[in-house]
Protein backbone atom coordinates (compact mmCIF):
# COMPACT_ATOMS: atom_id res chain seq x y z
CA MET A 1 55.36 80.08 148.65
CA PRO A 2 53.30 83.32 148.88
CA VAL A 3 49.57 83.08 149.52
CA ILE A 4 47.57 84.13 146.47
CA ILE A 5 44.13 85.53 147.24
CA THR A 6 41.40 84.87 144.71
CA GLU A 7 37.63 85.20 144.55
CA PRO A 8 34.75 82.90 143.49
CA LEU A 9 34.26 82.24 139.80
CA LYS A 10 31.86 84.66 138.12
CA ILE A 11 29.87 83.88 134.98
CA GLU A 12 29.47 86.83 132.62
CA LYS A 13 26.70 86.54 130.02
CA LEU A 14 26.13 88.86 127.07
CA THR A 15 24.61 88.94 123.60
CA ILE A 16 26.60 90.45 120.74
CA ALA A 17 25.18 91.45 117.36
CA ILE A 18 27.18 90.51 114.26
CA ALA A 19 26.64 92.05 110.81
CA ASN A 20 25.93 89.59 107.98
CA LEU A 21 25.54 86.69 110.41
CA PRO A 22 23.11 84.28 108.74
CA ASN A 23 19.82 83.71 110.51
CA SER A 24 20.73 80.04 110.73
CA LEU A 25 23.67 80.99 113.01
CA SER A 26 21.84 83.56 115.12
CA GLY A 27 21.69 82.28 118.68
CA ILE A 28 24.92 80.26 118.66
CA LYS A 29 26.56 80.19 122.08
CA ILE A 30 30.28 80.59 122.78
CA VAL A 31 31.99 79.94 126.11
CA GLN A 32 35.28 81.78 126.59
CA LEU A 33 37.99 80.81 129.07
CA SER A 34 41.36 82.50 129.34
CA ASP A 35 44.65 82.72 131.24
CA LEU A 36 44.51 79.44 133.11
CA HIS A 37 48.21 79.57 134.12
CA TYR A 38 48.03 75.91 135.04
CA ASP A 39 51.24 75.42 137.01
CA GLY A 40 50.20 74.12 140.42
CA ILE A 41 50.27 77.61 141.94
CA ARG A 42 48.09 80.11 140.06
CA LEU A 43 44.99 77.99 139.42
CA SER A 44 43.36 75.60 141.88
CA GLU A 45 42.06 72.24 140.74
CA LYS A 46 38.74 73.13 142.34
CA LEU A 47 38.34 76.32 140.30
CA LEU A 48 39.28 74.56 137.07
CA ALA A 49 36.80 71.75 137.72
CA LYS A 50 34.09 74.30 138.49
CA ALA A 51 34.76 76.18 135.25
CA ILE A 52 34.54 72.96 133.22
CA GLU A 53 31.33 71.94 135.00
CA ILE A 54 29.65 75.31 134.39
CA SER A 55 30.76 75.42 130.77
CA ASN A 56 29.22 72.01 130.15
CA LEU A 57 25.97 73.06 131.82
CA GLU A 58 25.79 75.95 129.34
CA ASN A 59 25.89 73.42 126.47
CA PRO A 60 27.90 75.75 124.19
CA ASP A 61 28.23 75.48 120.44
CA LEU A 62 31.91 76.43 120.66
CA VAL A 63 34.48 76.84 123.45
CA ALA A 64 37.23 79.42 122.94
CA ILE A 65 40.35 79.51 125.14
CA THR A 66 42.33 82.69 124.63
CA GLY A 67 45.85 81.87 125.70
CA ASP A 68 48.27 81.47 128.61
CA LEU A 69 47.25 77.92 129.38
CA VAL A 70 50.50 77.43 131.32
CA THR A 71 53.08 79.70 132.94
CA ASP A 72 56.37 79.39 131.04
CA ASP A 73 57.04 75.71 131.87
CA PRO A 74 55.05 73.61 129.34
CA GLN A 75 55.28 70.36 131.35
CA PRO A 76 51.81 70.63 132.98
CA ILE A 77 50.09 70.83 129.59
CA LYS A 78 49.55 67.07 129.32
CA VAL A 79 47.52 66.98 132.51
CA LEU A 80 45.69 70.18 131.60
CA ALA A 81 44.86 68.94 128.11
CA SER A 82 43.29 65.81 129.60
CA LYS A 83 41.11 67.93 131.87
CA LEU A 84 40.12 70.34 129.08
CA SER A 85 39.09 67.41 126.91
CA GLU A 86 36.15 67.04 129.32
CA LEU A 87 34.68 70.29 127.95
CA ASN A 88 31.58 69.71 125.83
CA SER A 89 31.10 71.71 122.65
CA ARG A 90 28.98 71.10 119.56
CA VAL A 91 31.65 72.09 117.02
CA GLY A 92 34.81 71.96 119.09
CA ILE A 93 37.29 73.70 121.39
CA TYR A 94 39.48 76.39 119.80
CA VAL A 95 42.63 77.87 121.29
CA CYS A 96 44.90 80.79 120.52
CA LEU A 97 48.19 80.81 122.39
CA GLY A 98 49.49 83.57 124.66
CA ASN A 99 52.90 84.94 125.50
CA HIS A 100 53.41 82.40 128.31
CA ASP A 101 52.66 79.56 125.89
CA ASN A 102 55.33 80.86 123.53
CA ASP A 103 58.36 80.83 125.83
CA SER A 104 60.20 79.03 123.03
CA VAL A 105 59.33 77.36 119.72
CA GLN A 106 59.77 74.00 121.43
CA SER A 107 57.39 74.95 124.25
CA ARG A 108 54.79 76.19 121.82
CA GLN A 109 55.00 72.98 119.82
CA GLN A 110 54.75 70.83 122.95
CA ILE A 111 51.62 72.69 124.03
CA THR A 112 50.11 72.51 120.55
CA ASN A 113 50.81 68.77 120.27
CA ALA A 114 49.29 67.97 123.67
CA LEU A 115 46.10 69.87 122.90
CA THR A 116 45.82 68.47 119.38
CA GLU A 117 46.13 64.92 120.70
CA VAL A 118 42.91 65.34 122.70
CA GLY A 119 41.01 66.97 119.83
CA ILE A 120 41.49 70.64 120.80
CA LYS A 121 42.25 72.88 117.81
CA VAL A 122 45.10 75.37 118.17
CA LEU A 123 45.02 78.22 115.65
CA TRP A 124 48.30 80.11 115.13
CA ASN A 125 47.69 82.52 112.24
CA GLU A 126 45.05 80.09 110.99
CA ILE A 127 41.38 80.10 110.00
CA ASP A 128 38.70 77.47 110.45
CA TYR A 129 35.02 77.28 109.53
CA PRO A 130 33.37 74.96 112.08
CA PHE A 131 29.92 76.43 111.37
CA GLY A 132 30.40 76.43 107.59
CA LYS A 133 31.76 79.08 105.23
CA GLU A 134 29.42 81.77 106.58
CA LEU A 135 31.44 82.40 109.78
CA ALA A 136 35.23 82.31 110.08
CA ILE A 137 37.09 81.50 113.29
CA VAL A 138 40.53 83.14 113.26
CA GLY A 139 43.33 82.41 115.72
CA LEU A 140 46.28 84.80 115.58
CA ALA A 141 49.85 84.38 116.75
CA ASP A 142 50.56 86.08 120.05
CA TYR A 143 50.91 89.84 119.72
CA TRP A 144 54.40 89.83 121.29
CA SER A 145 55.71 87.09 119.02
CA ARG A 146 57.63 87.74 115.83
CA GLU A 147 54.95 85.83 113.95
CA PHE A 148 52.06 88.20 114.68
CA ASN A 149 51.12 89.13 111.11
CA PRO A 150 47.36 89.53 110.55
CA LYS A 151 47.51 90.84 106.96
CA PRO A 152 48.00 87.53 105.09
CA VAL A 153 45.53 85.82 107.43
CA PHE A 154 42.67 88.26 106.82
CA ALA A 155 43.47 88.33 103.10
CA GLN A 156 42.14 84.76 102.94
CA ILE A 157 38.65 85.75 104.14
CA ALA A 158 36.03 87.23 101.80
CA PRO A 159 35.05 90.76 102.94
CA ASN A 160 31.37 89.85 103.43
CA ILE A 161 32.13 86.93 105.76
CA PRO A 162 31.80 87.71 109.49
CA ARG A 163 34.69 86.56 111.62
CA LEU A 164 35.41 85.74 115.26
CA VAL A 165 39.05 86.50 116.11
CA LEU A 166 40.97 84.92 118.98
CA SER A 167 43.95 87.09 119.96
CA HIS A 168 45.44 86.77 123.45
CA ASN A 169 46.62 90.35 123.99
CA PRO A 170 43.92 93.05 123.71
CA ASP A 171 46.53 95.60 122.57
CA SER A 172 46.31 93.83 119.21
CA ALA A 173 42.90 95.46 118.74
CA GLU A 174 44.71 98.70 117.90
CA ILE A 175 46.43 97.03 114.94
CA LEU A 176 43.35 95.03 113.96
CA LYS A 177 41.36 98.23 113.30
CA LYS A 178 42.75 97.94 109.75
CA TRP A 179 40.55 94.90 109.12
CA ARG A 180 37.03 93.74 109.74
CA VAL A 181 36.83 92.06 113.16
CA ASP A 182 33.23 91.39 114.15
CA LEU A 183 34.28 90.14 117.56
CA GLN A 184 37.76 89.81 119.05
CA LEU A 185 38.13 87.63 122.13
CA SER A 186 41.17 88.36 124.31
CA GLY A 187 42.53 87.88 127.83
CA HIS A 188 46.06 88.59 129.12
CA THR A 189 45.19 91.39 131.58
CA HIS A 190 43.54 89.28 134.31
CA GLY A 191 41.17 92.24 134.55
CA GLY A 192 43.92 94.12 136.37
CA GLN A 193 43.44 91.67 139.30
CA ILE A 194 42.87 94.59 141.69
CA VAL A 195 39.85 96.79 140.98
CA ILE A 196 39.10 100.00 142.85
CA PRO A 197 35.31 100.20 143.31
CA GLY A 198 33.88 103.16 141.47
CA TYR A 199 37.14 103.71 139.59
CA GLY A 200 38.23 100.59 137.74
CA ALA A 201 41.34 98.45 137.42
CA ALA A 202 44.19 99.60 139.64
CA PRO A 203 46.72 99.48 136.76
CA ILE A 204 44.78 102.31 135.08
CA LEU A 205 45.59 104.51 138.08
CA LEU A 206 49.19 103.28 138.16
CA GLN A 207 49.54 104.05 134.46
CA GLN A 208 48.37 107.62 135.07
CA ILE A 209 50.81 107.97 137.97
CA ARG A 210 53.65 106.73 135.77
CA LYS A 211 52.87 109.35 133.13
CA ASN A 212 53.15 112.11 135.70
CA THR A 213 56.10 110.81 137.71
CA PRO A 214 59.79 111.34 136.85
CA THR A 215 61.39 108.07 135.74
CA PHE A 216 63.84 108.06 138.66
CA PHE A 217 61.01 108.10 141.24
CA SER A 218 58.64 105.82 139.34
CA ASN A 219 61.16 102.97 139.58
CA PHE A 220 60.61 102.92 143.36
CA ILE A 221 56.82 102.63 143.19
CA PRO A 222 55.75 98.93 143.50
CA TYR A 223 54.25 97.33 140.37
CA LEU A 224 54.32 100.62 138.44
CA LYS A 225 56.78 99.51 135.79
CA ALA A 226 55.38 95.96 135.65
CA CYS A 227 51.81 97.12 135.00
CA SER A 228 52.94 99.40 132.20
CA ALA A 229 54.72 96.48 130.56
CA VAL A 230 51.66 94.18 130.51
CA VAL A 231 49.51 96.22 128.12
CA LYS A 232 49.35 99.73 126.72
CA HIS A 233 45.55 99.93 126.73
CA TRP A 234 44.53 99.23 130.33
CA LYS A 235 41.20 100.85 129.41
CA TRP A 236 40.52 97.49 127.74
CA SER A 237 41.36 95.49 130.86
CA GLU A 238 38.03 93.65 130.95
CA GLY A 239 34.61 93.43 129.35
CA TRP A 240 33.16 94.61 126.05
CA HIS A 241 34.62 97.52 124.06
CA GLN A 242 33.92 99.15 120.72
CA VAL A 243 37.23 99.75 118.92
CA ASP A 244 36.33 101.85 115.89
CA LYS A 245 34.08 99.54 113.86
CA ASN A 246 35.31 96.39 115.61
CA GLN A 247 34.13 94.75 118.82
CA LEU A 248 36.45 93.49 121.56
CA TYR A 249 35.72 91.36 124.62
CA VAL A 250 38.40 90.85 127.28
CA ASN A 251 38.03 87.97 129.74
CA ARG A 252 39.50 88.39 133.26
CA GLY A 253 40.94 84.87 133.19
CA LEU A 254 40.98 82.01 135.68
CA GLY A 255 44.58 82.07 136.91
CA THR A 256 45.86 84.57 139.46
CA TYR A 257 49.27 86.12 140.08
CA PHE A 258 50.52 87.36 143.45
CA PRO A 259 49.24 89.30 145.38
CA GLY A 260 45.82 88.12 144.21
CA ARG A 261 42.40 89.29 143.10
CA PHE A 262 40.41 92.01 144.84
CA PHE A 263 36.98 92.94 143.43
CA CYS A 264 38.10 91.14 140.26
CA SER A 265 36.66 87.63 140.12
CA PRO A 266 38.01 84.94 137.80
CA GLU A 267 35.69 84.68 134.83
CA LEU A 268 33.86 82.33 132.53
CA THR A 269 32.14 84.19 129.68
CA VAL A 270 29.02 83.04 127.85
CA ILE A 271 28.46 84.94 124.60
CA THR A 272 25.40 84.52 122.39
CA LEU A 273 25.71 85.82 118.84
CA GLU A 274 22.77 87.37 117.05
CA THR A 275 22.20 88.82 113.60
CA ARG A 276 22.47 92.57 113.16
C-alpha cells in the first residue's frame, strides 16, 4: 500500500454577505466538510475525529457535507454515518452526494439510507427550509450523473428567496449561472492536493501544459490526463470565487489521494452569513 502524505487540518473562516437575507438570520454559522473518502486508506481516524471535535467547538447552526463520503465501495458508510452523527448542529446536517457516492443506484441508495437512519439529511435534487421559508437549502444531484437537472429544482423557489446550494463538483457553477445562487458550496478538487507556492494548484499548470502539448506527447506526462478529467475549471480549485452574480466556495476536503498533499492542508470551513 503506497504511503499517502497529508498535512494538519486547517480551519478556514470567512463571512459571506447574502442579498435579501433577513436580519433574523444574519450571523448564522455553517460548517462545511467535504471529500472524506472514508475507505480505510484516504482518511485517518485521527483526522476525522479532529474535524468532528473542531466542528462541535464551533457550535454551528448547520453542517454541510459536500460529497464523496466514501470511495466507490459503499460498505464503510455505516461506520462513517455513526461517527458523523456525533456532529452537533442546531438545525441539522445536510449532505449532497458526489461522483464516488454514485457508483451505482444501489450504492447511492445504501449511502442515503445509512445517513438517513442517523438523522443526516441527504438532498438529491431536493430543497429544505431548516431556518424557515426565508432561506432555502438546495442539494443537487452530482454534476456527472444523468440526474443533474437544476431547472425544475430552482423553479420551486420564489425569486426573492436567498438560497444555499450544495453541489459537489464546482464545474456546475458554470451551468448554475442561469439561476440565482447566493452561495454554492462544493468540493471534489481536493484543492489540487499539490500547490506551488506563489503560483497555485499544480493541476492549473498541468492544464496549461496539456493545452500546449501535442496529444501524443501529453499521454506520457504523469497525471496530465487525469487532472484534466477531474474538473474543467481548476481556477476554482479552492476558496471563494465570484461566478457572475453568484458566489462559490470550494472546500479542499479531508481525504487524500496518492501521492498526497503538499502545501494543501485538509480543510474544515466555517462560514458566517450576513445580510447584504
